[in-house]
């Protein structure tokens, strides 16, 4: 098992206040790294995806679906 140098633990203490142990700090750092990578991937898609959605048609479809669910709950088909 590797240990973290003292200067890095001081930095962790200053910035990662919720970590109780070095292991917790490493887990938090890894989670944050993964989160940032996912955000970077999403940002790279900006402007590359075009969704041609007609919100009025989608809304009418949803209203009809909700009405059919309501009828089913009350024993109608």
PDB file of N, CA and C in Angstrom:
ATOM      1  N   UNK A   1       0.834  -1.168   0.000  1.00  0.00           N
ATOM      2  CA  UNK A   1       0.000   0.000   0.000  1.00  0.00           C
ATOM      3  C   UNK A   1       0.884   1.238   0.000  1.00  0.00           C
ATOM      4  N   UNK A   2       0.551   2.185  -0.846  1.00  0.00           N
ATOM      5  CA  UNK A   2       1.335   3.413  -0.940  1.00  0.00           C
ATOM      6  C   UNK A   2       0.798   4.445   0.044  1.00  0.00           C
ATOM      7  N   UNK A   3       1.687   5.287   0.500  1.00  0.00           N
ATOM      8  CA  UNK A   3       1.260   6.358   1.394  1.00  0.00           C
ATOM      9  C   UNK A   3       1.280   7.673   0.648  1.00  0.00           C
ATOM     10  N   UNK A   4       0.527   8.617   1.142  1.00  0.00           N
ATOM     11  CA  UNK A   4       0.451   9.941   0.529  1.00  0.00           C
ATOM     12  C   UNK A   4       1.460  10.837   1.243  1.00  0.00           C
ATOM     13  N   UNK A   5       2.272  11.570   0.488  1.00  0.00           N
ATOM     14  CA  UNK A   5       3.245  12.477   1.116  1.00  0.00           C
ATOM     15  C   UNK A   5       2.547  13.508   2.011  1.00  0.00           C
ATOM     16  N   UNK A   6       3.264  13.993   2.997  1.00  0.00           N
ATOM     17  CA  UNK A   6       2.703  14.913   3.993  1.00  0.00           C
ATOM     18  C   UNK A   6       2.160  16.188   3.359  1.00  0.00           C
ATOM     19  N   UNK A   7       2.848  16.743   2.357  1.00  0.00           N
ATOM     20  CA  UNK A   7       2.381  17.991   1.759  1.00  0.00           C
ATOM     21  C   UNK A   7       1.043  17.786   1.049  1.00  0.00           C
ATOM     22  N   UNK A   8       0.830  16.591   0.515  1.00  0.00           N
ATOM     23  CA  UNK A   8      -0.450  16.333  -0.136  1.00  0.00           C
ATOM     24  C   UNK A   8      -1.568  16.165   0.883  1.00  0.00           C
ATOM     25  N   UNK A   9      -1.262  15.595   2.017  1.00  0.00           N
ATOM     26  CA  UNK A   9      -2.301  15.459   3.048  1.00  0.00           C
ATOM     27  C   UNK A   9      -2.687  16.825   3.598  1.00  0.00           C
ATOM     28  N   UNK A  10      -1.731  17.753   3.664  1.00  0.00           N
ATOM     29  CA  UNK A  10      -2.054  19.111   4.096  1.00  0.00           C
ATOM     30  C   UNK A  10      -2.992  19.787   3.107  1.00  0.00           C
ATOM     31  N   UNK A  11      -2.739  19.574   1.824  1.00  0.00           N
ATOM     32  CA  UNK A  11      -3.599  20.137   0.786  1.00  0.00           C
ATOM     33  C   UNK A  11      -4.983  19.503   0.865  1.00  0.00           C
ATOM     34  N   UNK A  12      -5.024  18.190   1.076  1.00  0.00           N
ATOM     35  CA  UNK A  12      -6.312  17.495   1.205  1.00  0.00           C
ATOM     36  C   UNK A  12      -7.077  18.022   2.406  1.00  0.00           C
ATOM     37  N   UNK A  13      -6.385  18.237   3.509  1.00  0.00           N
ATOM     38  CA  UNK A  13      -7.052  18.758   4.702  1.00  0.00           C
ATOM     39  C   UNK A  13      -7.646  20.137   4.437  1.00  0.00           C
ATOM     40  N   UNK A  14      -6.964  20.918   3.619  1.00  0.00           N
ATOM     41  CA  UNK A  14      -7.427  22.268   3.335  1.00  0.00           C
ATOM     42  C   UNK A  14      -8.622  22.272   2.377  1.00  0.00           C
ATOM     43  N   UNK A  15      -8.656  21.355   1.417  1.00  0.00           N
ATOM     44  CA  UNK A  15      -9.684  21.391   0.383  1.00  0.00           C
ATOM     45  C   UNK A  15     -10.754  20.307   0.506  1.00  0.00           C
ATOM     46  N   UNK A  16     -10.438  19.203   1.106  1.00  0.00           N
ATOM     47  CA  UNK A  16     -11.388  18.103   1.231  1.00  0.00           C
ATOM     48  C   UNK A  16     -11.696  17.943   2.714  1.00  0.00           C
ATOM     49  N   UNK A  17     -12.535  18.794   3.205  1.00  0.00           N
ATOM     50  CA  UNK A  17     -12.781  18.819   4.642  1.00  0.00           C
ATOM     51  C   UNK A  17     -13.688  17.687   5.109  1.00  0.00           C
ATOM     52  N   UNK A  18     -14.495  17.109   4.216  1.00  0.00           N
ATOM     53  CA  UNK A  18     -15.425  16.069   4.644  1.00  0.00           C
ATOM     54  C   UNK A  18     -14.769  14.698   4.743  1.00  0.00           C
ATOM     55  N   UNK A  19     -13.553  14.553   4.244  1.00  0.00           N
ATOM     56  CA  UNK A  19     -12.866  13.261   4.293  1.00  0.00           C
ATOM     57  C   UNK A  19     -12.265  13.066   5.675  1.00  0.00           C
ATOM     58  N   UNK A  20     -12.610  11.941   6.292  1.00  0.00           N
ATOM     59  CA  UNK A  20     -12.092  11.648   7.633  1.00  0.00           C
ATOM     60  C   UNK A  20     -10.747  10.929   7.573  1.00  0.00           C
ATOM     61  N   UNK A  21     -10.536  10.178   6.480  1.00  0.00           N
ATOM     62  CA  UNK A  21      -9.293   9.425   6.350  1.00  0.00           C
ATOM     63  C   UNK A  21      -8.691   9.690   4.977  1.00  0.00           C
ATOM     64  N   UNK A  22      -7.467   9.271   4.818  1.00  0.00           N
ATOM     65  CA  UNK A  22      -6.810   9.401   3.519  1.00  0.00           C
ATOM     66  C   UNK A  22      -7.551   8.590   2.459  1.00  0.00           C
ATOM     67  N   UNK A  23      -8.030   7.416   2.855  1.00  0.00           N
ATOM     68  CA  UNK A  23      -8.767   6.557   1.920  1.00  0.00           C
ATOM     69  C   UNK A  23     -10.028   7.262   1.446  1.00  0.00           C
ATOM     70  N   UNK A  24     -10.762   7.905   2.361  1.00  0.00           N
ATOM     71  CA  UNK A  24     -11.961   8.651   1.975  1.00  0.00           C
ATOM     72  C   UNK A  24     -11.608   9.779   1.007  1.00  0.00           C
ATOM     73  N   UNK A  25     -10.499  10.444   1.270  1.00  0.00           N
ATOM     74  CA  UNK A  25     -10.073  11.537   0.398  1.00  0.00           C
ATOM     75  C   UNK A  25      -9.766  11.022  -1.002  1.00  0.00           C
ATOM     76  N   UNK A  26      -9.131   9.865  -1.100  1.00  0.00           N
ATOM     77  CA  UNK A  26      -8.808   9.271  -2.398  1.00  0.00           C
ATOM     78  C   UNK A  26     -10.090   8.873  -3.123  1.00  0.00           C
ATOM     79  N   UNK A  27     -11.050   8.299  -2.397  1.00  0.00           N
ATOM     80  CA  UNK A  27     -12.320   7.923  -3.011  1.00  0.00           C
ATOM     81  C   UNK A  27     -13.064   9.162  -3.525  1.00  0.00           C
ATOM     82  N   UNK A  28     -13.063  10.217  -2.739  1.00  0.00           N
ATOM     83  CA  UNK A  28     -13.718  11.443  -3.176  1.00  0.00           C
ATOM     84  C   UNK A  28     -13.033  12.037  -4.398  1.00  0.00           C
ATOM     85  N   UNK A  29     -11.719  12.002  -4.403  1.00  0.00           N
ATOM     86  CA  UNK A  29     -10.970  12.542  -5.532  1.00  0.00           C
ATOM     87  C   UNK A  29     -11.242  11.725  -6.800  1.00  0.00           C
ATOM     88  N   UNK A  30     -11.295  10.408  -6.666  1.00  0.00           N
ATOM     89  CA  UNK A  30     -11.575   9.553  -7.816  1.00  0.00           C
ATOM     90  C   UNK A  30     -12.983   9.805  -8.336  1.00  0.00           C
ATOM     91  N   UNK A  31     -13.949   9.932  -7.439  1.00  0.00           N
ATOM     92  CA  UNK A  31     -15.325  10.215  -7.845  1.00  0.00           C
ATOM     93  C   UNK A  31     -15.416  11.549  -8.567  1.00  0.00           C
ATOM     94  N   UNK A  32     -14.730  12.542  -8.057  1.00  0.00           N
ATOM     95  CA  UNK A  32     -14.732  13.869  -8.686  1.00  0.00           C
ATOM     96  C   UNK A  32     -14.078  13.817 -10.066  1.00  0.00           C
ATOM     97  N   UNK A  33     -13.007  13.068 -10.204  1.00  0.00           N
ATOM     98  CA  UNK A  33     -12.341  12.922 -11.498  1.00  0.00           C
ATOM     99  C   UNK A  33     -13.283  12.282 -12.516  1.00  0.00           C
ATOM    100  N   UNK A  34     -13.972  11.237 -12.105  1.00  0.00           N
ATOM    101  CA  UNK A  34     -14.928  10.565 -12.995  1.00  0.00           C
ATOM    102  C   UNK A  34     -16.048  11.515 -13.375  1.00  0.00           C
ATOM    103  N   UNK A  35     -16.573  12.275 -12.407  1.00  0.00           N
ATOM    104  CA  UNK A  35     -17.649  13.227 -12.682  1.00  0.00           C
ATOM    105  C   UNK A  35     -17.217  14.278 -13.696  1.00  0.00           C
ATOM    106  N   UNK A  36     -16.000  14.790 -13.519  1.00  0.00           N
ATOM    107  CA  UNK A  36     -15.492  15.813 -14.445  1.00  0.00           C
ATOM    108  C   UNK A  36     -15.272  15.250 -15.850  1.00  0.00           C
ATOM    109  N   UNK A  37     -14.785  14.021 -15.944  1.00  0.00           N
ATOM    110  CA  UNK A  37     -14.591  13.391 -17.254  1.00  0.00           C
ATOM    111  C   UNK A  37     -15.925  13.223 -17.975  1.00  0.00           C
ATOM    112  N   UNK A  38     -16.966  12.806 -17.243  1.00  0.00           N
ATOM    113  CA  UNK A  38     -18.291  12.652 -17.838  1.00  0.00           C
ATOM    114  C   UNK A  38     -18.820  13.997 -18.326  1.00  0.00           C
ATOM    115  N   UNK A  39     -18.612  15.040 -17.529  1.00  0.00           N
ATOM    116  CA  UNK A  39     -19.047  16.375 -17.949  1.00  0.00           C
ATOM    117  C   UNK A  39     -18.301  16.833 -19.194  1.00  0.00           C
ATOM    118  N   UNK A  40     -17.010  16.553 -19.253  1.00  0.00           N
ATOM    119  CA  UNK A  40     -16.220  16.913 -20.437  1.00  0.00           C
ATOM    120  C   UNK A  40     -16.746  16.200 -21.685  1.00  0.00           C
ATOM    121  N   UNK A  41     -17.130  14.919 -21.534  1.00  0.00           N
ATOM    122  CA  UNK A  41     -17.682  14.176 -22.665  1.00  0.00           C
ATOM    123  C   UNK A  41     -18.991  14.796 -23.128  1.00  0.00           C
ATOM    124  N   UNK A  42     -19.835  15.188 -22.181  1.00  0.00           N
ATOM    125  CA  UNK A  42     -21.091  15.829 -22.543  1.00  0.00           C
ATOM    126  C   UNK A  42     -20.851  17.173 -23.225  1.00  0.00           C
ATOM    127  N   UNK A  43     -19.901  17.933 -22.707  1.00  0.00           N
ATOM    128  CA  UNK A  43     -19.587  19.227 -23.315  1.00  0.00           C
ATOM    129  C   UNK A  43     -19.055  19.060 -24.737  1.00  0.00           C
ATOM    130  N   UNK A  44     -18.332  17.990 -24.993  1.00  0.00           N
ATOM    131  CA  UNK A  44     -17.779  17.776 -26.327  1.00  0.00           C
ATOM    132  C   UNK A  44     -18.880  17.486 -27.347  1.00  0.00           C
ATOM    133  N   UNK A  45     -20.048  17.042 -26.878  1.00  0.00           N
ATOM    134  CA  UNK A  45     -21.170  16.768 -27.776  1.00  0.00           C
ATOM    135  C   UNK A  45     -21.953  18.029 -28.132  1.00  0.00           C
ATOM    136  N   UNK A  46     -21.649  19.123 -27.484  1.00  0.00           N
ATOM    137  CA  UNK A  46     -22.372  20.363 -27.705  1.00  0.00           C
ATOM    138  C   UNK A  46     -22.329  20.762 -29.179  1.00  0.00           C
ATOM    139  N   UNK A  47     -23.503  20.976 -29.755  1.00  0.00           N
ATOM    140  CA  UNK A  47     -23.603  21.381 -31.151  1.00  0.00           C
ATOM    141  C   UNK A  47     -23.561  20.239 -32.137  1.00  0.00           C
ATOM    142  N   UNK A  48     -23.344  19.015 -31.686  1.00  0.00           N
ATOM    143  CA  UNK A  48     -23.234  17.877 -32.591  1.00  0.00           C
ATOM    144  C   UNK A  48     -24.529  17.074 -32.679  1.00  0.00           C
ATOM    145  N   UNK A  49     -25.407  17.261 -31.720  1.00  0.00           N
ATOM    146  CA  UNK A  49     -26.656  16.509 -31.703  1.00  0.00           C
ATOM    147  C   UNK A  49     -27.804  17.471 -31.977  1.00  0.00           C
ATOM    148  N   UNK A  50     -28.644  17.107 -32.938  1.00  0.00           N
ATOM    149  CA  UNK A  50     -29.797  17.930 -33.263  1.00  0.00           C
ATOM    150  C   UNK A  50     -31.058  17.098 -33.039  1.00  0.00           C
ATOM    151  N   UNK A  51     -31.887  17.561 -32.135  1.00  0.00           N
ATOM    152  CA  UNK A  51     -33.142  16.887 -31.861  1.00  0.00           C
ATOM    153  C   UNK A  51     -34.268  17.705 -32.492  1.00  0.00           C
ATOM    154  N   UNK A  52     -34.980  17.075 -33.411  1.00  0.00           N
ATOM    155  CA  UNK A  52     -36.086  17.751 -34.074  1.00  0.00           C
ATOM    156  C   UNK A  52     -37.378  17.272 -33.419  1.00  0.00           C
ATOM    157  N   UNK A  53     -37.713  17.901 -32.295  1.00  0.00           N
ATOM    158  CA  UNK A  53     -38.876  17.487 -31.534  1.00  0.00           C
ATOM    159  C   UNK A  53     -40.003  18.499 -31.700  1.00  0.00           C
ATOM    160  N   UNK A  54     -41.196  17.984 -31.911  1.00  0.00           N
ATOM    161  CA  UNK A  54     -42.376  18.823 -31.982  1.00  0.00           C
ATOM    162  C   UNK A  54     -43.080  18.712 -30.636  1.00  0.00           C
ATOM    163  N   UNK A  55     -42.901  19.693 -29.777  1.00  0.00           N
ATOM    164  CA  UNK A  55     -43.394  19.598 -28.414  1.00  0.00           C
ATOM    165  C   UNK A  55     -44.906  19.525 -28.346  1.00  0.00           C
ATOM    166  N   UNK A  56     -45.594  20.129 -29.313  1.00  0.00           N
ATOM    167  CA  UNK A  56     -47.057  20.094 -29.291  1.00  0.00           C
ATOM    168  C   UNK A  56     -47.569  18.671 -29.538  1.00  0.00           C
ATOM    169  N   UNK A  57     -46.961  17.991 -30.487  1.00  0.00           N
ATOM    170  CA  UNK A  57     -47.353  16.611 -30.767  1.00  0.00           C
ATOM    171  C   UNK A  57     -47.035  15.715 -29.571  1.00  0.00           C
ATOM    172  N   UNK A  58     -45.862  15.914 -28.978  1.00  0.00           N
ATOM    173  CA  UNK A  58     -45.483  15.128 -27.806  1.00  0.00           C
ATOM    174  C   UNK A  58     -46.448  15.373 -26.640  1.00  0.00           C
ATOM    175  N   UNK A  59     -46.850  16.611 -26.461  1.00  0.00           N
ATOM    176  CA  UNK A  59     -47.775  16.932 -25.383  1.00  0.00           C
ATOM    177  C   UNK A  59     -49.136  16.271 -25.596  1.00  0.00           C
ATOM    178  N   UNK A  60     -49.646  16.301 -26.830  1.00  0.00           N
ATOM    179  CA  UNK A  60     -50.927  15.657 -27.120  1.00  0.00           C
ATOM    180  C   UNK A  60     -50.849  14.148 -26.912  1.00  0.00           C
ATOM    181  N   UNK A  61     -49.747  13.547 -27.305  1.00  0.00           N
ATOM    182  CA  UNK A  61     -49.545  12.113 -27.102  1.00  0.00           C
ATOM    183  C   UNK A  61     -49.545  11.787 -25.613  1.00  0.00           C
ATOM    184  N   UNK A  62     -48.869  12.608 -24.827  1.00  0.00           N
ATOM    185  CA  UNK A  62     -48.812  12.378 -23.388  1.00  0.00           C
ATOM    186  C   UNK A  62     -50.194  12.530 -22.748  1.00  0.00           C
ATOM    187  N   UNK A  63     -50.961  13.527 -23.184  1.00  0.00           N
ATOM    188  CA  UNK A  63     -52.303  13.735 -22.636  1.00  0.00           C
ATOM    189  C   UNK A  63     -53.199  12.542 -22.951  1.00  0.00           C
ATOM    190  N   UNK A  64     -53.126  12.039 -24.182  1.00  0.00           N
ATOM    191  CA  UNK A  64     -53.931  10.860 -24.545  1.00  0.00           C
ATOM    192  C   UNK A  64     -53.520   9.646 -23.719  1.00  0.00           C
ATOM    193  N   UNK A  65     -52.229   9.481 -23.524  1.00  0.00           N
ATOM    194  CA  UNK A  65     -51.737   8.344 -22.739  1.00  0.00           C
ATOM    195  C   UNK A  65     -52.207   8.440 -21.286  1.00  0.00           C
ATOM    196  N   UNK A  66     -52.117   9.626 -20.709  1.00  0.00           N
ATOM    197  CA  UNK A  66     -52.557   9.813 -19.328  1.00  0.00           C
ATOM    198  C   UNK A  66     -54.056   9.549 -19.196  1.00  0.00           C
ATOM    199  N   UNK A  67     -54.837   9.960 -20.189  1.00  0.00           N
ATOM    200  CA  UNK A  67     -56.285   9.714 -20.166  1.00  0.00           C
ATOM    201  C   UNK A  67     -56.572   8.218 -20.234  1.00  0.00           C
ATOM    202  N   UNK A  68     -55.826   7.484 -21.057  1.00  0.00           N
ATOM    203  CA  UNK A  68     -56.051   6.041 -21.154  1.00  0.00           C
ATOM    204  C   UNK A  68     -55.674   5.341 -19.849  1.00  0.00           C
ATOM    205  N   UNK A  69     -54.628   5.817 -19.178  1.00  0.00           N
ATOM    206  CA  UNK A  69     -54.252   5.245 -17.881  1.00  0.00           C
ATOM    207  C   UNK A  69     -55.333   5.513 -16.839  1.00  0.00           C
ATOM    208  N   UNK A  70     -55.900   6.711 -16.882  1.00  0.00           N
ATOM    209  CA  UNK A  70     -56.947   7.063 -15.934  1.00  0.00           C
ATOM    210  C   UNK A  70     -58.180   6.179 -16.143  1.00  0.00           C
ATOM    211  N   UNK A  71     -58.537   5.929 -17.415  1.00  0.00           N
ATOM    212  CA  UNK A  71     -59.682   5.062 -17.713  1.00  0.00           C
ATOM    213  C   UNK A  71     -59.421   3.646 -17.230  1.00  0.00           C
ATOM    214  N   UNK A  72     -58.215   3.154 -17.387  1.00  0.00           N
ATOM    215  CA  UNK A  72     -57.883   1.794 -16.942  1.00  0.00           C
ATOM    216  C   UNK A  72     -58.003   1.658 -15.430  1.00  0.00           C
ATOM    217  N   UNK A  73     -57.589   2.699 -14.711  1.00  0.00           N
ATOM    218  CA  UNK A  73     -57.675   2.649 -13.258  1.00  0.00           C
ATOM    219  C   UNK A  73     -59.116   2.611 -12.784  1.00  0.00           C
ATOM    220  N   UNK A  74     -60.024   3.145 -13.594  1.00  0.00           N
ATOM    221  CA  UNK A  74     -61.428   3.184 -13.208  1.00  0.00           C
ATOM    222  C   UNK A  74     -62.235   2.060 -13.852  1.00  0.00           C
ATOM    223  N   UNK A  75     -61.562   1.081 -14.445  1.00  0.00           N
ATOM    224  CA  UNK A  75     -62.234  -0.107 -14.983  1.00  0.00           C
ATOM    225  C   UNK A  75     -62.737   0.044 -16.402  1.00  0.00           C
ATOM    226  N   UNK A  76     -62.405   1.083 -17.113  1.00  0.00           N
ATOM    227  CA  UNK A  76     -62.830   1.260 -18.506  1.00  0.00           C
ATOM    228  C   UNK A  76     -61.686   0.891 -19.427  1.00  0.00           C
ATOM    229  N   UNK A  77     -61.979   0.649 -20.669  1.00  0.00           N
ATOM    230  CA  UNK A  77     -60.917   0.361 -21.633  1.00  0.00           C
ATOM    231  C   UNK A  77     -60.892   1.357 -22.687  1.00  0.00           C
TER     232      UNK A  77
END
